[in-house]
Amino acid sequence: IENGKNGAIFVSENNQPPFAVEVPSYATLKIPV
């Protein structure tokens, strides 16, 4: 609430400090088939 920018996703796990993650655009994940 205090520090997260609009759209921020914070992970809080394993009793460790939280960290932010970004959901990548699917276009950057292209794998040839």
All heavy atoms as atom14 arrays in JSON, in Angstrom:
{
  "sequence": "IENGKNGAIFVSENNQPPFAVEVPSYATLKIPV",
  "atom14_mask": [
    [1, 1, 1, 1, 1, 1, 1, 1, 0, 0, 0, 0, 0, 0],
    [1, 1, 1, 1, 1, 1, 1, 1, 1, 0, 0, 0, 0, 0],
    [1, 1, 1, 1, 1, 1, 1, 1, 0, 0, 0, 0, 0, 0],
    [1, 1, 1, 1, 0, 0, 0, 0, 0, 0, 0, 0, 0, 0],
    [1, 1, 1, 1, 1, 1, 1, 1, 1, 0, 0, 0, 0, 0],
    [1, 1, 1, 1, 1, 1, 1, 1, 0, 0, 0, 0, 0, 0],
    [1, 1, 1, 1, 0, 0, 0, 0, 0, 0, 0, 0, 0, 0],
    [1, 1, 1, 1, 1, 0, 0, 0, 0, 0, 0, 0, 0, 0],
    [1, 1, 1, 1, 1, 1, 1, 1, 0, 0, 0, 0, 0, 0],
    [1, 1, 1, 1, 1, 1, 1, 1, 1, 1, 1, 0, 0, 0],
    [1, 1, 1, 1, 1, 1, 1, 0, 0, 0, 0, 0, 0, 0],
    [1, 1, 1, 1, 1, 1, 0, 0, 0, 0, 0, 0, 0, 0],
    [1, 1, 1, 1, 1, 1, 1, 1, 1, 0, 0, 0, 0, 0],
    [1, 1, 1, 1, 1, 1, 1, 1, 0, 0, 0, 0, 0, 0],
    [1, 1, 1, 1, 1, 1, 1, 1, 0, 0, 0, 0, 0, 0],
    [1, 1, 1, 1, 1, 1, 1, 1, 1, 0, 0, 0, 0, 0],
    [1, 1, 1, 1, 1, 1, 1, 0, 0, 0, 0, 0, 0, 0],
    [1, 1, 1, 1, 1, 1, 1, 0, 0, 0, 0, 0, 0, 0],
    [1, 1, 1, 1, 1, 1, 1, 1, 1, 1, 1, 0, 0, 0],
    [1, 1, 1, 1, 1, 0, 0, 0, 0, 0, 0, 0, 0, 0],
    [1, 1, 1, 1, 1, 1, 1, 0, 0, 0, 0, 0, 0, 0],
    [1, 1, 1, 1, 1, 1, 1, 1, 1, 0, 0, 0, 0, 0],
    [1, 1, 1, 1, 1, 1, 1, 0, 0, 0, 0, 0, 0, 0],
    [1, 1, 1, 1, 1, 1, 1, 0, 0, 0, 0, 0, 0, 0],
    [1, 1, 1, 1, 1, 1, 0, 0, 0, 0, 0, 0, 0, 0],
    [1, 1, 1, 1, 1, 1, 1, 1, 1, 1, 1, 1, 0, 0],
    [1, 1, 1, 1, 1, 0, 0, 0, 0, 0, 0, 0, 0, 0],
    [1, 1, 1, 1, 1, 1, 1, 0, 0, 0, 0, 0, 0, 0],
    [1, 1, 1, 1, 1, 1, 1, 1, 0, 0, 0, 0, 0, 0],
    [1, 1, 1, 1, 1, 1, 1, 1, 1, 0, 0, 0, 0, 0],
    [1, 1, 1, 1, 1, 1, 1, 1, 0, 0, 0, 0, 0, 0],
    [1, 1, 1, 1, 1, 1, 1, 0, 0, 0, 0, 0, 0, 0],
    [1, 1, 1, 1, 1, 1, 1, 0, 0, 0, 0, 0, 0, 0]
  ],
  "atom14_positions": [
    [[0.83, -1.2, 0.0], [0.0, 0.0, 0.0], [0.86, 1.25, 0.0], [0.58, 2.22, -0.71], [-0.95, -0.01, 1.21], [-2.02, -1.1, 1.04], [-1.6, 1.35, 1.41], [-2.87, -1.34, 2.28], [0.0, 0.0, 0.0], [0.0, 0.0, 0.0], [0.0, 0.0, 0.0], [0.0, 0.0, 0.0], [0.0, 0.0, 0.0], [0.0, 0.0, 0.0]],
    [[1.91, 1.24, 0.79], [2.76, 2.43, 0.9], [3.65, 2.64, -0.32], [3.85, 3.78, -0.76], [3.65, 2.33, 2.16], [2.88, 2.47, 3.47], [2.49, 3.91, 3.79], [2.16, 4.68, 2.87], [2.51, 4.25, 4.99], [0.0, 0.0, 0.0], [0.0, 0.0, 0.0], [0.0, 0.0, 0.0], [0.0, 0.0, 0.0], [0.0, 0.0, 0.0]],
    [[4.18, 1.55, -0.88], [5.23, 1.69, -1.89], [4.92, 1.11, -3.26], [5.63, 1.4, -4.22], [6.52, 1.04, -1.38], [6.96, 1.61, -0.04], [6.94, 2.82, 0.16], [7.35, 0.74, 0.89], [0.0, 0.0, 0.0], [0.0, 0.0, 0.0], [0.0, 0.0, 0.0], [0.0, 0.0, 0.0], [0.0, 0.0, 0.0], [0.0, 0.0, 0.0]],
    [[3.87, 0.28, -3.36], [3.6, -0.39, -4.63], [3.02, 0.56, -5.67], [2.07, 1.29, -5.41], [0.0, 0.0, 0.0], [0.0, 0.0, 0.0], [0.0, 0.0, 0.0], [0.0, 0.0, 0.0], [0.0, 0.0, 0.0], [0.0, 0.0, 0.0], [0.0, 0.0, 0.0], [0.0, 0.0, 0.0], [0.0, 0.0, 0.0], [0.0, 0.0, 0.0]],
    [[3.61, 0.55, -6.85], [3.07, 1.34, -7.96], [1.8, 0.68, -8.48], [1.55, -0.51, -8.25], [4.11, 1.45, -9.08], [5.36, 2.2, -8.68], [6.35, 2.28, -9.84], [7.61, 3.04, -9.44], [8.59, 3.12, -10.55], [0.0, 0.0, 0.0], [0.0, 0.0, 0.0], [0.0, 0.0, 0.0], [0.0, 0.0, 0.0], [0.0, 0.0, 0.0]],
    [[0.99, 1.44, -9.17], [-0.22, 0.88, -9.76], [0.12, -0.36, -10.58], [1.03, -0.34, -11.41], [-0.88, 1.93, -10.67], [-2.11, 1.4, -11.37], [-2.97, 0.78, -10.76], [-2.18, 1.62, -12.68], [0.0, 0.0, 0.0], [0.0, 0.0, 0.0], [0.0, 0.0, 0.0], [0.0, 0.0, 0.0], [0.0, 0.0, 0.0], [0.0, 0.0, 0.0]],
    [[-0.61, -1.45, -10.35], [-0.36, -2.71, -11.04], [0.67, -3.6, -10.37], [0.93, -4.71, -10.86], [0.0, 0.0, 0.0], [0.0, 0.0, 0.0], [0.0, 0.0, 0.0], [0.0, 0.0, 0.0], [0.0, 0.0, 0.0], [0.0, 0.0, 0.0], [0.0, 0.0, 0.0], [0.0, 0.0, 0.0], [0.0, 0.0, 0.0], [0.0, 0.0, 0.0]],
    [[1.22, -3.17, -9.24], [2.27, -3.96, -8.58], [1.71, -5.28, -8.04], [0.58, -5.36, -7.57], [2.9, -3.17, -7.44], [0.0, 0.0, 0.0], [0.0, 0.0, 0.0], [0.0, 0.0, 0.0], [0.0, 0.0, 0.0], [0.0, 0.0, 0.0], [0.0, 0.0, 0.0], [0.0, 0.0, 0.0], [0.0, 0.0, 0.0], [0.0, 0.0, 0.0]],
    [[2.55, -6.31, -8.12], [2.26, -7.61, -7.54], [3.38, -7.93, -6.56], [4.55, -7.99, -6.95], [2.19, -8.72, -8.61], [1.12, -8.4, -9.67], [1.93, -10.08, -7.97], [1.16, -9.33, -10.87], [0.0, 0.0, 0.0], [0.0, 0.0, 0.0], [0.0, 0.0, 0.0], [0.0, 0.0, 0.0], [0.0, 0.0, 0.0], [0.0, 0.0, 0.0]],
    [[3.04, -8.11, -5.3], [4.02, -8.48, -4.29], [3.8, -9.93, -3.89], [2.66, -10.37, -3.72], [3.89, -7.61, -3.03], [4.61, -6.29, -3.09], [4.96, -5.72, -4.31], [4.92, -5.61, -1.93], [5.62, -4.49, -4.36], [5.57, -4.39, -1.95], [5.92, -3.82, -3.17], [0.0, 0.0, 0.0], [0.0, 0.0, 0.0], [0.0, 0.0, 0.0]],
    [[4.9, -10.65, -3.72], [4.88, -12.01, -3.2], [5.4, -12.0, -1.77], [6.42, -11.37, -1.47], [5.74, -12.96, -4.07], [5.89, -14.33, -3.4], [5.15, -13.1, -5.46], [0.0, 0.0, 0.0], [0.0, 0.0, 0.0], [0.0, 0.0, 0.0], [0.0, 0.0, 0.0], [0.0, 0.0, 0.0], [0.0, 0.0, 0.0], [0.0, 0.0, 0.0]],
    [[4.68, -12.69, -0.89], [5.11, -12.85, 0.5], [5.08, -14.33, 0.83], [4.02, -14.93, 0.97], [4.17, -12.07, 1.44], [4.47, -12.34, 2.8], [0.0, 0.0, 0.0], [0.0, 0.0, 0.0], [0.0, 0.0, 0.0], [0.0, 0.0, 0.0], [0.0, 0.0, 0.0], [0.0, 0.0, 0.0], [0.0, 0.0, 0.0], [0.0, 0.0, 0.0]],
    [[6.27, -14.94, 0.94], [6.31, -16.38, 1.18], [7.52, -16.75, 2.02], [8.49, -16.0, 2.12], [6.35, -17.15, -0.14], [7.59, -16.91, -0.97], [7.63, -17.74, -2.25], [6.76, -18.6, -2.43], [8.55, -17.52, -3.06], [0.0, 0.0, 0.0], [0.0, 0.0, 0.0], [0.0, 0.0, 0.0], [0.0, 0.0, 0.0], [0.0, 0.0, 0.0]],
    [[7.43, -17.93, 2.64], [8.53, -18.53, 3.38], [9.07, -17.64, 4.49], [10.23, -17.73, 4.87], [9.68, -18.92, 2.44], [9.24, -19.88, 1.36], [8.3, -20.65, 1.55], [9.9, -19.83, 0.21], [0.0, 0.0, 0.0], [0.0, 0.0, 0.0], [0.0, 0.0, 0.0], [0.0, 0.0, 0.0], [0.0, 0.0, 0.0], [0.0, 0.0, 0.0]],
    [[8.2, -16.74, 5.0], [8.6, -15.87, 6.1], [9.76, -14.96, 5.73], [10.51, -14.5, 6.6], [8.96, -16.69, 7.34], [8.36, -16.12, 8.61], [7.42, -15.34, 8.57], [8.91, -16.52, 9.74], [0.0, 0.0, 0.0], [0.0, 0.0, 0.0], [0.0, 0.0, 0.0], [0.0, 0.0, 0.0], [0.0, 0.0, 0.0], [0.0, 0.0, 0.0]],
    [[9.9, -14.66, 4.45], [10.97, -13.81, 3.95], [10.4, -12.44, 3.57], [9.19, -12.28, 3.41], [11.64, -14.46, 2.74], [12.31, -15.78, 3.04], [13.44, -15.65, 4.03], [14.33, -14.81, 3.87], [13.41, -16.47, 5.07], [0.0, 0.0, 0.0], [0.0, 0.0, 0.0], [0.0, 0.0, 0.0], [0.0, 0.0, 0.0], [0.0, 0.0, 0.0]],
    [[11.27, -11.43, 3.38], [10.77, -10.11, 2.95], [10.03, -10.23, 1.62], [10.37, -11.06, 0.78], [12.05, -9.28, 2.8], [13.03, -9.94, 3.71], [12.72, -11.41, 3.64], [0.0, 0.0, 0.0], [0.0, 0.0, 0.0], [0.0, 0.0, 0.0], [0.0, 0.0, 0.0], [0.0, 0.0, 0.0], [0.0, 0.0, 0.0], [0.0, 0.0, 0.0]],
    [[9.0, -9.4, 1.42], [8.25, -9.48, 0.15], [9.09, -9.01, -1.02], [10.06, -8.27, -0.87], [7.08, -8.52, 0.4], [7.59, -7.56, 1.41], [8.5, -8.35, 2.31], [0.0, 0.0, 0.0], [0.0, 0.0, 0.0], [0.0, 0.0, 0.0], [0.0, 0.0, 0.0], [0.0, 0.0, 0.0], [0.0, 0.0, 0.0], [0.0, 0.0, 0.0]],
    [[8.71, -9.48, -2.2], [9.37, -9.0, -3.42], [8.31, -8.83, -4.5], [7.25, -9.45, -4.47], [10.46, -9.97, -3.88], [10.01, -11.39, -4.13], [9.57, -11.79, -5.39], [10.03, -12.33, -3.11], [9.15, -13.1, -5.63], [9.61, -13.64, -3.33], [9.17, -14.02, -4.6], [0.0, 0.0, 0.0], [0.0, 0.0, 0.0], [0.0, 0.0, 0.0]],
    [[8.62, -7.96, -5.45], [7.69, -7.67, -6.54], [7.98, -8.59, -7.72], [9.13, -9.0, -7.94], [7.81, -6.22, -6.97], [0.0, 0.0, 0.0], [0.0, 0.0, 0.0], [0.0, 0.0, 0.0], [0.0, 0.0, 0.0], [0.0, 0.0, 0.0], [0.0, 0.0, 0.0], [0.0, 0.0, 0.0], [0.0, 0.0, 0.0], [0.0, 0.0, 0.0]],
    [[6.93, -8.93, -8.46], [7.09, -9.7, -9.69], [6.32, -8.99, -10.8], [5.38, -8.23, -10.55], [6.57, -11.15, -9.55], [7.36, -11.91, -8.51], [5.08, -11.17, -9.21], [0.0, 0.0, 0.0], [0.0, 0.0, 0.0], [0.0, 0.0, 0.0], [0.0, 0.0, 0.0], [0.0, 0.0, 0.0], [0.0, 0.0, 0.0], [0.0, 0.0, 0.0]],
    [[6.74, -9.23, -12.03], [6.04, -8.69, -13.19], [5.54, -9.85, -14.04], [6.26, -10.82, -14.26], [6.96, -7.8, -14.02], [7.36, -6.5, -13.33], [8.19, -5.61, -14.24], [8.48, -6.02, -15.39], [8.53, -4.49, -13.81], [0.0, 0.0, 0.0], [0.0, 0.0, 0.0], [0.0, 0.0, 0.0], [0.0, 0.0, 0.0], [0.0, 0.0, 0.0]],
    [[4.3, -9.73, -14.5], [3.76, -10.72, -15.43], [4.21, -10.33, -16.83], [3.85, -9.26, -17.32], [2.22, -10.76, -15.36], [1.67, -11.75, -16.37], [1.76, -11.11, -13.95], [0.0, 0.0, 0.0], [0.0, 0.0, 0.0], [0.0, 0.0, 0.0], [0.0, 0.0, 0.0], [0.0, 0.0, 0.0], [0.0, 0.0, 0.0], [0.0, 0.0, 0.0]],
    [[5.02, -11.16, -17.48], [5.56, -10.78, -18.79], [4.49, -10.81, -19.88], [3.5, -11.52, -19.79], [6.62, -11.85, -19.05], [6.15, -13.04, -18.28], [5.47, -12.5, -17.05], [0.0, 0.0, 0.0], [0.0, 0.0, 0.0], [0.0, 0.0, 0.0], [0.0, 0.0, 0.0], [0.0, 0.0, 0.0], [0.0, 0.0, 0.0], [0.0, 0.0, 0.0]],
    [[4.72, -10.03, -20.9], [3.85, -10.09, -22.07], [4.04, -11.44, -22.77], [5.16, -11.91, -22.91], [4.19, -8.96, -23.05], [3.57, -9.19, -24.3], [0.0, 0.0, 0.0], [0.0, 0.0, 0.0], [0.0, 0.0, 0.0], [0.0, 0.0, 0.0], [0.0, 0.0, 0.0], [0.0, 0.0, 0.0], [0.0, 0.0, 0.0], [0.0, 0.0, 0.0]],
    [[2.93, -12.03, -23.17], [3.04, -13.35, -23.83], [3.9, -13.26, -25.08], [4.54, -14.25, -25.48], [1.65, -13.87, -24.18], [0.96, -13.14, -25.3], [1.13, -13.52, -26.63], [0.15, -12.04, -25.04], [0.51, -12.84, -27.66], [-0.47, -11.36, -26.06], [-0.3, -11.75, -27.38], [-0.89, -11.07, -28.38], [0.0, 0.0, 0.0], [0.0, 0.0, 0.0]],
    [[3.98, -12.09, -25.7], [4.77, -11.95, -26.93], [6.26, -12.19, -26.68], [6.99, -12.58, -27.6], [4.55, -10.58, -27.56], [0.0, 0.0, 0.0], [0.0, 0.0, 0.0], [0.0, 0.0, 0.0], [0.0, 0.0, 0.0], [0.0, 0.0, 0.0], [0.0, 0.0, 0.0], [0.0, 0.0, 0.0], [0.0, 0.0, 0.0], [0.0, 0.0, 0.0]],
    [[6.71, -11.95, -25.43], [8.12, -12.16, -25.11], [8.41, -13.62, -24.79], [9.57, -13.98, -24.58], [8.52, -11.3, -23.91], [7.83, -11.76, -22.73], [8.19, -9.83, -24.14], [0.0, 0.0, 0.0], [0.0, 0.0, 0.0], [0.0, 0.0, 0.0], [0.0, 0.0, 0.0], [0.0, 0.0, 0.0], [0.0, 0.0, 0.0], [0.0, 0.0, 0.0]],
    [[7.38, -14.46, -24.75], [7.54, -15.85, -24.35], [7.39, -16.81, -25.52], [7.27, -18.01, -25.34], [6.49, -16.2, -23.28], [6.48, -15.31, -22.03], [5.33, -15.69, -21.13], [7.8, -15.4, -21.28], [0.0, 0.0, 0.0], [0.0, 0.0, 0.0], [0.0, 0.0, 0.0], [0.0, 0.0, 0.0], [0.0, 0.0, 0.0], [0.0, 0.0, 0.0]],
    [[7.43, -16.27, -26.74], [7.2, -17.1, -27.92], [8.24, -18.22, -28.05], [9.43, -17.99, -27.91], [7.23, -16.24, -29.18], [5.99, -15.42, -29.41], [5.92, -14.89, -30.82], [7.05, -13.95, -31.14], [6.89, -13.33, -32.47], [0.0, 0.0, 0.0], [0.0, 0.0, 0.0], [0.0, 0.0, 0.0], [0.0, 0.0, 0.0], [0.0, 0.0, 0.0]],
    [[7.75, -19.4, -28.3], [8.6, -20.56, -28.55], [8.14, -21.18, -29.88], [6.96, -21.51, -30.04], [8.49, -21.61, -27.42], [8.93, -20.99, -26.09], [9.32, -22.84, -27.74], [8.7, -21.89, -24.9], [0.0, 0.0, 0.0], [0.0, 0.0, 0.0], [0.0, 0.0, 0.0], [0.0, 0.0, 0.0], [0.0, 0.0, 0.0], [0.0, 0.0, 0.0]],
    [[9.03, -21.33, -30.84], [8.63, -21.94, -32.11], [8.08, -23.34, -31.91], [8.57, -24.08, -31.06], [9.93, -21.96, -32.92], [10.79, -20.88, -32.29], [10.44, -20.91, -30.85], [0.0, 0.0, 0.0], [0.0, 0.0, 0.0], [0.0, 0.0, 0.0], [0.0, 0.0, 0.0], [0.0, 0.0, 0.0], [0.0, 0.0, 0.0], [0.0, 0.0, 0.0]],
    [[7.09, -23.71, -32.67], [6.51, -25.06, -32.58], [6.63, -25.76, -33.93], [6.84, -25.15, -34.97], [5.02, -25.0, -32.15], [4.92, -24.42, -30.76], [4.2, -24.17, -33.13], [0.0, 0.0, 0.0], [0.0, 0.0, 0.0], [0.0, 0.0, 0.0], [0.0, 0.0, 0.0], [0.0, 0.0, 0.0], [0.0, 0.0, 0.0], [0.0, 0.0, 0.0]]
  ]
}
